[in-house]
Amino acid sequence: MHNQKKGNRKPLLLINTLFVLFLAGLLLVLFNAPEETTSHLPHDPNHEQFHAIASKKEAEKNCGACHDPDGQAPLPENHPPKFRCLFCHKRK
C-alpha cells in the first residue's frame, strides 16, 4: 500500500511542474508586452459628455455622430471595428 502512494506522486509532480512552468511563461509574456499606445478618450468639450455616462455601451452609441465617414472627424479606413470604441480608447 505504501509503494502504491509513491507511484501516484510522479504524475502529480509532473502536472504541478507543468502548471508552474505554464504560469511562469504566461507571466514572462505579460511582463514583456508592449506598452499601451492607444490614446485615451480626450477631456475636451466634444468628449466630456461621454465621461459623464456611466455605461460604456451607452456612451459608445454616440461616437458615430462625429466619427462616421460623413462626420466631422471620420475614422481612418484602417481603423479596427468601430462598435466598441471605449474598449480601446479608455476613459481616464
Protein backbone atom coordinates (compact mmCIF):
# COMPACT_ATOMS: atom_id res chain seq x y z
CA MET A 1 0.00 0.00 0.00
CA HIS A 2 2.83 2.42 0.83
CA ASN A 3 4.56 1.82 -2.53
CA GLN A 4 1.31 2.47 -4.37
CA LYS A 5 1.09 6.00 -2.92
CA LYS A 6 4.65 6.79 -4.07
CA GLY A 7 3.77 5.71 -7.59
CA ASN A 8 0.88 8.17 -7.69
CA ARG A 9 3.13 11.11 -6.78
CA LYS A 10 5.08 11.16 -10.05
CA PRO A 11 2.14 12.13 -12.30
CA LEU A 12 1.03 14.71 -9.73
CA LEU A 13 4.55 16.16 -9.55
CA LEU A 14 4.68 16.31 -13.36
CA ILE A 15 1.31 18.06 -13.55
CA ASN A 16 2.32 20.58 -10.87
CA THR A 17 5.65 21.24 -12.59
CA LEU A 18 3.96 21.80 -15.95
CA PHE A 19 1.44 24.14 -14.32
CA VAL A 20 4.20 26.20 -12.67
CA LEU A 21 6.12 26.37 -15.97
CA PHE A 22 2.97 27.48 -17.78
CA LEU A 23 2.36 30.24 -15.22
CA ALA A 24 5.99 31.37 -15.42
CA GLY A 25 5.73 31.53 -19.22
CA LEU A 26 2.48 33.47 -19.01
CA LEU A 27 3.99 35.99 -16.60
CA LEU A 28 7.03 36.36 -18.86
CA VAL A 29 4.79 37.15 -21.83
CA LEU A 30 2.68 39.62 -19.85
CA PHE A 31 5.66 41.48 -18.39
CA ASN A 32 7.27 41.76 -21.84
CA ALA A 33 4.10 43.01 -23.56
CA PRO A 34 4.45 46.39 -25.24
CA GLU A 35 3.07 49.48 -23.57
CA GLU A 36 -0.43 50.66 -24.41
CA THR A 37 -0.29 53.02 -27.39
CA THR A 38 -3.98 53.74 -27.97
CA SER A 39 -4.95 57.26 -26.99
CA HIS A 40 -7.39 57.76 -24.13
CA LEU A 41 -10.76 59.43 -24.59
CA PRO A 42 -9.93 63.16 -24.58
CA HIS A 43 -11.16 65.53 -21.87
CA ASP A 44 -12.34 68.27 -24.21
CA PRO A 45 -15.73 69.91 -24.83
CA ASN A 46 -16.55 67.42 -27.63
CA HIS A 47 -15.93 64.33 -25.50
CA GLU A 48 -16.76 65.49 -21.96
CA GLN A 49 -20.35 64.20 -22.26
CA PHE A 50 -19.01 60.65 -22.73
CA HIS A 51 -17.12 60.79 -19.44
CA ALA A 52 -20.40 61.57 -17.64
CA ILE A 53 -22.22 58.50 -19.00
CA ALA A 54 -21.66 55.58 -16.60
CA SER A 55 -22.25 52.77 -19.12
CA LYS A 56 -19.58 52.34 -21.79
CA LYS A 57 -22.10 50.80 -24.18
CA GLU A 58 -24.45 53.75 -23.77
CA ALA A 59 -21.61 56.23 -24.32
CA GLU A 60 -20.42 54.40 -27.44
CA LYS A 61 -23.81 54.81 -29.10
CA ASN A 62 -22.99 58.49 -29.68
CA CYS A 63 -19.48 58.12 -31.16
CA GLY A 64 -20.78 57.74 -34.70
CA ALA A 65 -22.24 61.24 -34.72
CA CYS A 66 -18.73 62.65 -35.23
CA HIS A 67 -16.70 59.62 -36.25
CA ASP A 68 -18.85 58.16 -39.06
CA PRO A 69 -17.43 58.57 -42.61
CA ASP A 70 -19.58 61.69 -43.12
CA GLY A 71 -18.95 63.11 -39.62
CA GLN A 72 -16.70 66.00 -38.65
CA ALA A 73 -13.88 63.65 -37.53
CA PRO A 74 -14.17 60.42 -39.57
CA LEU A 75 -12.02 57.47 -38.59
CA PRO A 76 -9.25 56.31 -40.94
CA GLU A 77 -10.08 53.37 -43.19
CA ASN A 78 -7.56 51.10 -41.43
CA HIS A 79 -9.24 51.65 -38.03
CA PRO A 80 -10.31 48.40 -36.28
CA PRO A 81 -14.04 47.60 -35.89
CA LYS A 82 -15.89 50.69 -34.80
CA PHE A 83 -18.51 49.28 -32.45
CA ARG A 84 -16.50 49.10 -29.17
CA CYS A 85 -14.76 52.49 -29.03
CA LEU A 86 -14.22 52.59 -25.27
CA PHE A 87 -12.71 49.11 -25.23
CA CYS A 88 -9.51 50.62 -26.64
CA HIS A 89 -9.96 54.36 -26.00
CA LYS A 90 -10.29 54.20 -22.24
CA ARG A 91 -11.71 56.94 -20.08
CA LYS A 92 -9.10 58.37 -17.73
